[in-house]
């Protein structure tokens, strides 16, 4: 994957996912970005990156209140070559 241009949210998400040791949940992505962006903004960008084939989603079990299974996001096939 070519790294997204500029200093926007897509680039920040690509940087976080590139160094992540495992697929990340939405809350983990939000925390990694120091809560600078709302979850709705992050999801919007993740959906666009997923449609472009740059990010893949997989179901992962989670702990805490709410659903027991959530989508975890990672770069598609180590797309940045990191």
PDB file of N, CA and C in Angstrom:
ATOM      1  N   UNK A   1       0.840  -1.177   0.000  1.00  0.00           N
ATOM      2  CA  UNK A   1       0.000   0.000   0.000  1.00  0.00           C
ATOM      3  C   UNK A   1       0.877   1.229   0.000  1.00  0.00           C
ATOM      4  N   UNK A   2       0.507   2.165  -0.830  1.00  0.00           N
ATOM      5  CA  UNK A   2       1.172   3.447  -0.781  1.00  0.00           C
ATOM      6  C   UNK A   2       0.677   4.176   0.460  1.00  0.00           C
ATOM      7  N   UNK A   3       1.577   4.769   1.181  1.00  0.00           N
ATOM      8  CA  UNK A   3       1.200   5.499   2.393  1.00  0.00           C
ATOM      9  C   UNK A   3       0.331   6.697   2.011  1.00  0.00           C
ATOM     10  N   UNK A   4      -0.799   6.900   2.706  1.00  0.00           N
ATOM     11  CA  UNK A   4      -1.658   8.053   2.386  1.00  0.00           C
ATOM     12  C   UNK A   4      -0.897   9.367   2.538  1.00  0.00           C
ATOM     13  N   UNK A   5      -1.184  10.301   1.648  1.00  0.00           N
ATOM     14  CA  UNK A   5      -0.491  11.589   1.677  1.00  0.00           C
ATOM     15  C   UNK A   5      -1.052  12.492   2.754  1.00  0.00           C
ATOM     16  N   UNK A   6      -0.296  13.518   3.093  1.00  0.00           N
ATOM     17  CA  UNK A   6      -0.745  14.524   4.037  1.00  0.00           C
ATOM     18  C   UNK A   6      -0.586  14.088   5.477  1.00  0.00           C
ATOM     19  N   UNK A   7      -1.250  14.824   6.347  1.00  0.00           N
ATOM     20  CA  UNK A   7      -1.175  14.554   7.783  1.00  0.00           C
ATOM     21  C   UNK A   7      -2.544  14.240   8.354  1.00  0.00           C
ATOM     22  N   UNK A   8      -3.422  13.705   7.523  1.00  0.00           N
ATOM     23  CA  UNK A   8      -4.788  13.429   7.937  1.00  0.00           C
ATOM     24  C   UNK A   8      -4.923  12.146   8.727  1.00  0.00           C
ATOM     25  N   UNK A   9      -6.151  11.835   9.023  1.00  0.00           N
ATOM     26  CA  UNK A   9      -6.481  10.673   9.843  1.00  0.00           C
ATOM     27  C   UNK A   9      -6.107   9.366   9.147  1.00  0.00           C
ATOM     28  N   UNK A  10      -6.268   9.292   7.828  1.00  0.00           N
ATOM     29  CA  UNK A  10      -5.921   8.064   7.107  1.00  0.00           C
ATOM     30  C   UNK A  10      -4.439   7.739   7.275  1.00  0.00           C
ATOM     31  N   UNK A  11      -3.602   8.733   7.200  1.00  0.00           N
ATOM     32  CA  UNK A  11      -2.166   8.513   7.362  1.00  0.00           C
ATOM     33  C   UNK A  11      -1.838   8.092   8.788  1.00  0.00           C
ATOM     34  N   UNK A  12      -2.480   8.727   9.756  1.00  0.00           N
ATOM     35  CA  UNK A  12      -2.243   8.370  11.156  1.00  0.00           C
ATOM     36  C   UNK A  12      -2.663   6.928  11.436  1.00  0.00           C
ATOM     37  N   UNK A  13      -3.814   6.525  10.895  1.00  0.00           N
ATOM     38  CA  UNK A  13      -4.270   5.151  11.078  1.00  0.00           C
ATOM     39  C   UNK A  13      -3.320   4.159  10.412  1.00  0.00           C
ATOM     40  N   UNK A  14      -2.834   4.489   9.226  1.00  0.00           N
ATOM     41  CA  UNK A  14      -1.892   3.608   8.539  1.00  0.00           C
ATOM     42  C   UNK A  14      -0.610   3.453   9.346  1.00  0.00           C
ATOM     43  N   UNK A  15      -0.142   4.543   9.943  1.00  0.00           N
ATOM     44  CA  UNK A  15       1.072   4.479  10.764  1.00  0.00           C
ATOM     45  C   UNK A  15       0.864   3.613  12.000  1.00  0.00           C
ATOM     46  N   UNK A  16      -0.288   3.764  12.653  1.00  0.00           N
ATOM     47  CA  UNK A  16      -0.580   2.979  13.855  1.00  0.00           C
ATOM     48  C   UNK A  16      -0.707   1.503  13.508  1.00  0.00           C
ATOM     49  N   UNK A  17      -1.440   1.198  12.447  1.00  0.00           N
ATOM     50  CA  UNK A  17      -1.642  -0.198  12.063  1.00  0.00           C
ATOM     51  C   UNK A  17      -0.357  -0.846  11.551  1.00  0.00           C
ATOM     52  N   UNK A  18       0.551  -0.047  10.991  1.00  0.00           N
ATOM     53  CA  UNK A  18       1.798  -0.598  10.459  1.00  0.00           C
ATOM     54  C   UNK A  18       2.693  -1.142  11.569  1.00  0.00           C
ATOM     55  N   UNK A  19       2.638  -0.551  12.741  1.00  0.00           N
ATOM     56  CA  UNK A  19       3.511  -0.995  13.835  1.00  0.00           C
ATOM     57  C   UNK A  19       2.774  -1.844  14.861  1.00  0.00           C
ATOM     58  N   UNK A  20       1.501  -2.078  14.635  1.00  0.00           N
ATOM     59  CA  UNK A  20       0.708  -2.867  15.581  1.00  0.00           C
ATOM     60  C   UNK A  20       1.122  -4.336  15.527  1.00  0.00           C
ATOM     61  N   UNK A  21       1.312  -4.963  16.687  1.00  0.00           N
ATOM     62  CA  UNK A  21       1.711  -6.370  16.700  1.00  0.00           C
ATOM     63  C   UNK A  21       0.570  -7.329  16.343  1.00  0.00           C
ATOM     64  N   UNK A  22      -0.668  -6.852  16.400  1.00  0.00           N
ATOM     65  CA  UNK A  22      -1.840  -7.679  16.111  1.00  0.00           C
ATOM     66  C   UNK A  22      -2.953  -6.756  15.632  1.00  0.00           C
ATOM     67  N   UNK A  23      -4.011  -7.300  15.050  1.00  0.00           N
ATOM     68  CA  UNK A  23      -5.142  -6.453  14.646  1.00  0.00           C
ATOM     69  C   UNK A  23      -5.710  -5.687  15.837  1.00  0.00           C
ATOM     70  N   UNK A  24      -6.141  -4.452  15.602  1.00  0.00           N
ATOM     71  CA  UNK A  24      -6.594  -3.578  16.682  1.00  0.00           C
ATOM     72  C   UNK A  24      -8.090  -3.313  16.610  1.00  0.00           C
ATOM     73  N   UNK A  25      -8.714  -3.240  17.780  1.00  0.00           N
ATOM     74  CA  UNK A  25     -10.120  -2.875  17.899  1.00  0.00           C
ATOM     75  C   UNK A  25     -10.256  -1.360  17.797  1.00  0.00           C
ATOM     76  N   UNK A  26     -11.471  -0.893  17.572  1.00  0.00           N
ATOM     77  CA  UNK A  26     -11.726   0.540  17.426  1.00  0.00           C
ATOM     78  C   UNK A  26     -11.272   1.319  18.658  1.00  0.00           C
ATOM     79  N   UNK A  27     -11.573   0.822  19.845  1.00  0.00           N
ATOM     80  CA  UNK A  27     -11.170   1.518  21.066  1.00  0.00           C
ATOM     81  C   UNK A  27      -9.660   1.616  21.210  1.00  0.00           C
ATOM     82  N   UNK A  28      -8.961   0.568  20.772  1.00  0.00           N
ATOM     83  CA  UNK A  28      -7.495   0.590  20.824  1.00  0.00           C
ATOM     84  C   UNK A  28      -6.930   1.605  19.831  1.00  0.00           C
ATOM     85  N   UNK A  29      -7.550   1.694  18.664  1.00  0.00           N
ATOM     86  CA  UNK A  29      -7.113   2.694  17.683  1.00  0.00           C
ATOM     87  C   UNK A  29      -7.349   4.101  18.208  1.00  0.00           C
ATOM     88  N   UNK A  30      -8.496   4.298  18.827  1.00  0.00           N
ATOM     89  CA  UNK A  30      -8.819   5.609  19.394  1.00  0.00           C
ATOM     90  C   UNK A  30      -7.803   5.990  20.467  1.00  0.00           C
ATOM     91  N   UNK A  31      -7.429   5.051  21.319  1.00  0.00           N
ATOM     92  CA  UNK A  31      -6.441   5.317  22.370  1.00  0.00           C
ATOM     93  C   UNK A  31      -5.059   5.563  21.773  1.00  0.00           C
ATOM     94  N   UNK A  32      -4.707   4.819  20.720  1.00  0.00           N
ATOM     95  CA  UNK A  32      -3.400   5.004  20.087  1.00  0.00           C
ATOM     96  C   UNK A  32      -3.272   6.384  19.448  1.00  0.00           C
ATOM     97  N   UNK A  33      -4.401   6.953  19.062  1.00  0.00           N
ATOM     98  CA  UNK A  33      -4.411   8.298  18.483  1.00  0.00           C
ATOM     99  C   UNK A  33      -4.628   9.365  19.555  1.00  0.00           C
ATOM    100  N   UNK A  34      -4.463   8.986  20.815  1.00  0.00           N
ATOM    101  CA  UNK A  34      -4.585   9.898  21.968  1.00  0.00           C
ATOM    102  C   UNK A  34      -5.941  10.582  22.046  1.00  0.00           C
ATOM    103  N   UNK A  35      -6.992   9.902  21.615  1.00  0.00           N
ATOM    104  CA  UNK A  35      -8.371  10.393  21.695  1.00  0.00           C
ATOM    105  C   UNK A  35      -8.554  11.736  20.989  1.00  0.00           C
ATOM    106  N   UNK A  36      -7.747  11.991  19.948  1.00  0.00           N
ATOM    107  CA  UNK A  36      -7.865  13.232  19.177  1.00  0.00           C
ATOM    108  C   UNK A  36      -9.069  13.207  18.239  1.00  0.00           C
ATOM    109  N   UNK A  37      -9.522  11.998  17.880  1.00  0.00           N
ATOM    110  CA  UNK A  37     -10.609  11.851  16.920  1.00  0.00           C
ATOM    111  C   UNK A  37     -11.733  11.025  17.530  1.00  0.00           C
ATOM    112  N   UNK A  38     -12.949  11.330  17.129  1.00  0.00           N
ATOM    113  CA  UNK A  38     -14.123  10.607  17.597  1.00  0.00           C
ATOM    114  C   UNK A  38     -14.186   9.233  16.928  1.00  0.00           C
ATOM    115  N   UNK A  39     -14.793   8.251  17.596  1.00  0.00           N
ATOM    116  CA  UNK A  39     -14.915   6.917  16.986  1.00  0.00           C
ATOM    117  C   UNK A  39     -15.619   6.935  15.628  1.00  0.00           C
ATOM    118  N   UNK A  40     -16.599   7.813  15.449  1.00  0.00           N
ATOM    119  CA  UNK A  40     -17.312   7.886  14.166  1.00  0.00           C
ATOM    120  C   UNK A  40     -16.373   8.334  13.045  1.00  0.00           C
ATOM    121  N   UNK A  41     -15.468   9.269  13.337  1.00  0.00           N
ATOM    122  CA  UNK A  41     -14.503   9.721  12.340  1.00  0.00           C
ATOM    123  C   UNK A  41     -13.553   8.586  11.961  1.00  0.00           C
ATOM    124  N   UNK A  42     -13.088   7.863  12.966  1.00  0.00           N
ATOM    125  CA  UNK A  42     -12.157   6.755  12.739  1.00  0.00           C
ATOM    126  C   UNK A  42     -12.833   5.672  11.907  1.00  0.00           C
ATOM    127  N   UNK A  43     -14.075   5.327  12.246  1.00  0.00           N
ATOM    128  CA  UNK A  43     -14.800   4.299  11.507  1.00  0.00           C
ATOM    129  C   UNK A  43     -15.019   4.717  10.055  1.00  0.00           C
ATOM    130  N   UNK A  44     -15.317   5.973   9.824  1.00  0.00           N
ATOM    131  CA  UNK A  44     -15.532   6.464   8.470  1.00  0.00           C
ATOM    132  C   UNK A  44     -14.283   6.244   7.619  1.00  0.00           C
ATOM    133  N   UNK A  45     -13.132   6.574   8.165  1.00  0.00           N
ATOM    134  CA  UNK A  45     -11.878   6.401   7.428  1.00  0.00           C
ATOM    135  C   UNK A  45     -11.556   4.912   7.264  1.00  0.00           C
ATOM    136  N   UNK A  46     -11.811   4.111   8.306  1.00  0.00           N
ATOM    137  CA  UNK A  46     -11.554   2.673   8.206  1.00  0.00           C
ATOM    138  C   UNK A  46     -12.406   2.024   7.111  1.00  0.00           C
ATOM    139  N   UNK A  47     -13.666   2.449   6.999  1.00  0.00           N
ATOM    140  CA  UNK A  47     -14.547   1.906   5.958  1.00  0.00           C
ATOM    141  C   UNK A  47     -14.009   2.266   4.575  1.00  0.00           C
ATOM    142  N   UNK A  48     -13.546   3.500   4.408  1.00  0.00           N
ATOM    143  CA  UNK A  48     -13.001   3.920   3.118  1.00  0.00           C
ATOM    144  C   UNK A  48     -11.725   3.155   2.786  1.00  0.00           C
ATOM    145  N   UNK A  49     -10.858   2.952   3.777  1.00  0.00           N
ATOM    146  CA  UNK A  49      -9.625   2.202   3.551  1.00  0.00           C
ATOM    147  C   UNK A  49      -9.931   0.729   3.266  1.00  0.00           C
ATOM    148  N   UNK A  50     -10.971   0.211   3.917  1.00  0.00           N
ATOM    149  CA  UNK A  50     -11.369  -1.181   3.694  1.00  0.00           C
ATOM    150  C   UNK A  50     -11.912  -1.377   2.283  1.00  0.00           C
ATOM    151  N   UNK A  51     -12.717  -0.443   1.822  1.00  0.00           N
ATOM    152  CA  UNK A  51     -13.254  -0.521   0.462  1.00  0.00           C
ATOM    153  C   UNK A  51     -12.139  -0.440  -0.571  1.00  0.00           C
ATOM    154  N   UNK A  52     -11.082   0.311  -0.259  1.00  0.00           N
ATOM    155  CA  UNK A  52      -9.950   0.441  -1.174  1.00  0.00           C
ATOM    156  C   UNK A  52      -9.024  -0.766  -1.103  1.00  0.00           C
ATOM    157  N   UNK A  53      -9.284  -1.672  -0.161  1.00  0.00           N
ATOM    158  CA  UNK A  53      -8.476  -2.873  -0.041  1.00  0.00           C
ATOM    159  C   UNK A  53      -7.178  -2.683   0.715  1.00  0.00           C
ATOM    160  N   UNK A  54      -7.049  -1.589   1.443  1.00  0.00           N
ATOM    161  CA  UNK A  54      -5.817  -1.305   2.169  1.00  0.00           C
ATOM    162  C   UNK A  54      -5.856  -1.793   3.607  1.00  0.00           C
ATOM    163  N   UNK A  55      -7.057  -2.002   4.120  1.00  0.00           N
ATOM    164  CA  UNK A  55      -7.240  -2.468   5.493  1.00  0.00           C
ATOM    165  C   UNK A  55      -8.187  -3.659   5.455  1.00  0.00           C
ATOM    166  N   UNK A  56      -7.915  -4.657   6.287  1.00  0.00           N
ATOM    167  CA  UNK A  56      -8.807  -5.815   6.395  1.00  0.00           C
ATOM    168  C   UNK A  56      -9.362  -5.877   7.813  1.00  0.00           C
ATOM    169  N   UNK A  57     -10.548  -6.434   7.922  1.00  0.00           N
ATOM    170  CA  UNK A  57     -11.203  -6.576   9.222  1.00  0.00           C
ATOM    171  C   UNK A  57     -11.418  -8.050   9.511  1.00  0.00           C
ATOM    172  N   UNK A  58     -11.216  -8.418  10.762  1.00  0.00           N
ATOM    173  CA  UNK A  58     -11.475  -9.791  11.193  1.00  0.00           C
ATOM    174  C   UNK A  58     -12.209  -9.738  12.522  1.00  0.00           C
ATOM    175  N   UNK A  59     -12.993 -10.760  12.812  1.00  0.00           N
ATOM    176  CA  UNK A  59     -13.716 -10.803  14.077  1.00  0.00           C
ATOM    177  C   UNK A  59     -12.785 -11.287  15.182  1.00  0.00           C
ATOM    178  N   UNK A  60     -12.841 -10.616  16.318  1.00  0.00           N
ATOM    179  CA  UNK A  60     -11.999 -10.965  17.454  1.00  0.00           C
ATOM    180  C   UNK A  60     -12.821 -10.876  18.730  1.00  0.00           C
ATOM    181  N   UNK A  61     -12.609 -11.814  19.627  1.00  0.00           N
ATOM    182  CA  UNK A  61     -13.311 -11.763  20.907  1.00  0.00           C
ATOM    183  C   UNK A  61     -12.751 -10.621  21.740  1.00  0.00           C
ATOM    184  N   UNK A  62     -13.642 -10.017  22.515  1.00  0.00           N
ATOM    185  CA  UNK A  62     -13.222  -8.911  23.366  1.00  0.00           C
ATOM    186  C   UNK A  62     -13.804  -9.080  24.745  1.00  0.00           C
ATOM    187  N   UNK A  63     -13.251  -8.350  25.698  1.00  0.00           N
ATOM    188  CA  UNK A  63     -13.738  -8.386  27.067  1.00  0.00           C
ATOM    189  C   UNK A  63     -14.420  -7.068  27.392  1.00  0.00           C
ATOM    190  N   UNK A  64     -15.192  -7.075  28.447  1.00  0.00           N
ATOM    191  CA  UNK A  64     -15.860  -5.862  28.875  1.00  0.00           C
ATOM    192  C   UNK A  64     -17.322  -5.861  28.510  1.00  0.00           C
ATOM    193  N   UNK A  65     -18.000  -4.735  28.779  1.00  0.00           N
ATOM    194  CA  UNK A  65     -19.431  -4.655  28.483  1.00  0.00           C
ATOM    195  C   UNK A  65     -19.677  -4.591  26.978  1.00  0.00           C
ATOM    196  N   UNK A  66     -20.866  -4.987  26.594  1.00  0.00           N
ATOM    197  CA  UNK A  66     -21.228  -4.924  25.181  1.00  0.00           C
ATOM    198  C   UNK A  66     -21.022  -6.244  24.481  1.00  0.00           C
ATOM    199  N   UNK A  67     -20.871  -6.156  23.183  1.00  0.00           N
ATOM    200  CA  UNK A  67     -20.735  -7.354  22.358  1.00  0.00           C
ATOM    201  C   UNK A  67     -19.471  -8.120  22.712  1.00  0.00           C
ATOM    202  N   UNK A  68     -19.542  -9.426  22.576  1.00  0.00           N
ATOM    203  CA  UNK A  68     -18.396 -10.284  22.886  1.00  0.00           C
ATOM    204  C   UNK A  68     -17.446 -10.452  21.710  1.00  0.00           C
ATOM    205  N   UNK A  69     -17.935 -10.135  20.513  1.00  0.00           N
ATOM    206  CA  UNK A  69     -17.113 -10.234  19.316  1.00  0.00           C
ATOM    207  C   UNK A  69     -17.138  -8.880  18.620  1.00  0.00           C
ATOM    208  N   UNK A  70     -15.967  -8.395  18.229  1.00  0.00           N
ATOM    209  CA  UNK A  70     -15.885  -7.105  17.547  1.00  0.00           C
ATOM    210  C   UNK A  70     -14.909  -7.224  16.385  1.00  0.00           C
ATOM    211  N   UNK A  71     -14.979  -6.271  15.464  1.00  0.00           N
ATOM    212  CA  UNK A  71     -14.064  -6.279  14.330  1.00  0.00           C
ATOM    213  C   UNK A  71     -12.724  -5.697  14.754  1.00  0.00           C
ATOM    214  N   UNK A  72     -11.667  -6.377  14.337  1.00  0.00           N
ATOM    215  CA  UNK A  72     -10.315  -5.897  14.570  1.00  0.00           C
ATOM    216  C   UNK A  72      -9.716  -5.577  13.207  1.00  0.00           C
ATOM    217  N   UNK A  73      -8.982  -4.483  13.121  1.00  0.00           N
ATOM    218  CA  UNK A  73      -8.477  -3.984  11.842  1.00  0.00           C
ATOM    219  C   UNK A  73      -6.959  -4.100  11.776  1.00  0.00           C
ATOM    220  N   UNK A  74      -6.472  -4.433  10.573  1.00  0.00           N
ATOM    221  CA  UNK A  74      -5.042  -4.496  10.306  1.00  0.00           C
ATOM    222  C   UNK A  74      -4.806  -4.137   8.848  1.00  0.00           C
ATOM    223  N   UNK A  75      -3.560  -3.843   8.511  1.00  0.00           N
ATOM    224  CA  UNK A  75      -3.238  -3.553   7.121  1.00  0.00           C
ATOM    225  C   UNK A  75      -3.360  -4.816   6.289  1.00  0.00           C
ATOM    226  N   UNK A  76      -3.757  -4.660   5.071  1.00  0.00           N
ATOM    227  CA  UNK A  76      -3.940  -5.811   4.174  1.00  0.00           C
ATOM    228  C   UNK A  76      -2.590  -6.370   3.763  1.00  0.00           C
ATOM    229  N   UNK A  77      -2.286  -7.579   4.204  1.00  0.00           N
ATOM    230  CA  UNK A  77      -1.074  -8.267   3.779  1.00  0.00           C
ATOM    231  C   UNK A  77       0.199  -7.506   3.994  1.00  0.00           C
ATOM    232  N   UNK A  78       0.319  -6.855   5.138  1.00  0.00           N
ATOM    233  CA  UNK A  78       1.509  -6.054   5.447  1.00  0.00           C
ATOM    234  C   UNK A  78       1.787  -5.104   4.289  1.00  0.00           C
ATOM    235  N   UNK A  79       0.780  -4.324   3.940  1.00  0.00           N
ATOM    236  CA  UNK A  79       0.793  -3.506   2.744  1.00  0.00           C
ATOM    237  C   UNK A  79       1.906  -2.443   2.710  1.00  0.00           C
ATOM    238  N   UNK A  80       2.351  -1.972   3.851  1.00  0.00           N
ATOM    239  CA  UNK A  80       3.398  -0.952   3.855  1.00  0.00           C
ATOM    240  C   UNK A  80       4.781  -1.565   3.759  1.00  0.00           C
ATOM    241  N   UNK A  81       4.880  -2.875   3.858  1.00  0.00           N
ATOM    242  CA  UNK A  81       6.176  -3.531   3.774  1.00  0.00           C
ATOM    243  C   UNK A  81       7.024  -3.320   5.009  1.00  0.00           C
ATOM    244  N   UNK A  82       6.377  -3.085   6.135  1.00  0.00           N
ATOM    245  CA  UNK A  82       7.110  -2.862   7.402  1.00  0.00           C
ATOM    246  C   UNK A  82       7.337  -4.183   8.086  1.00  0.00           C
TER     247      UNK A  82
END
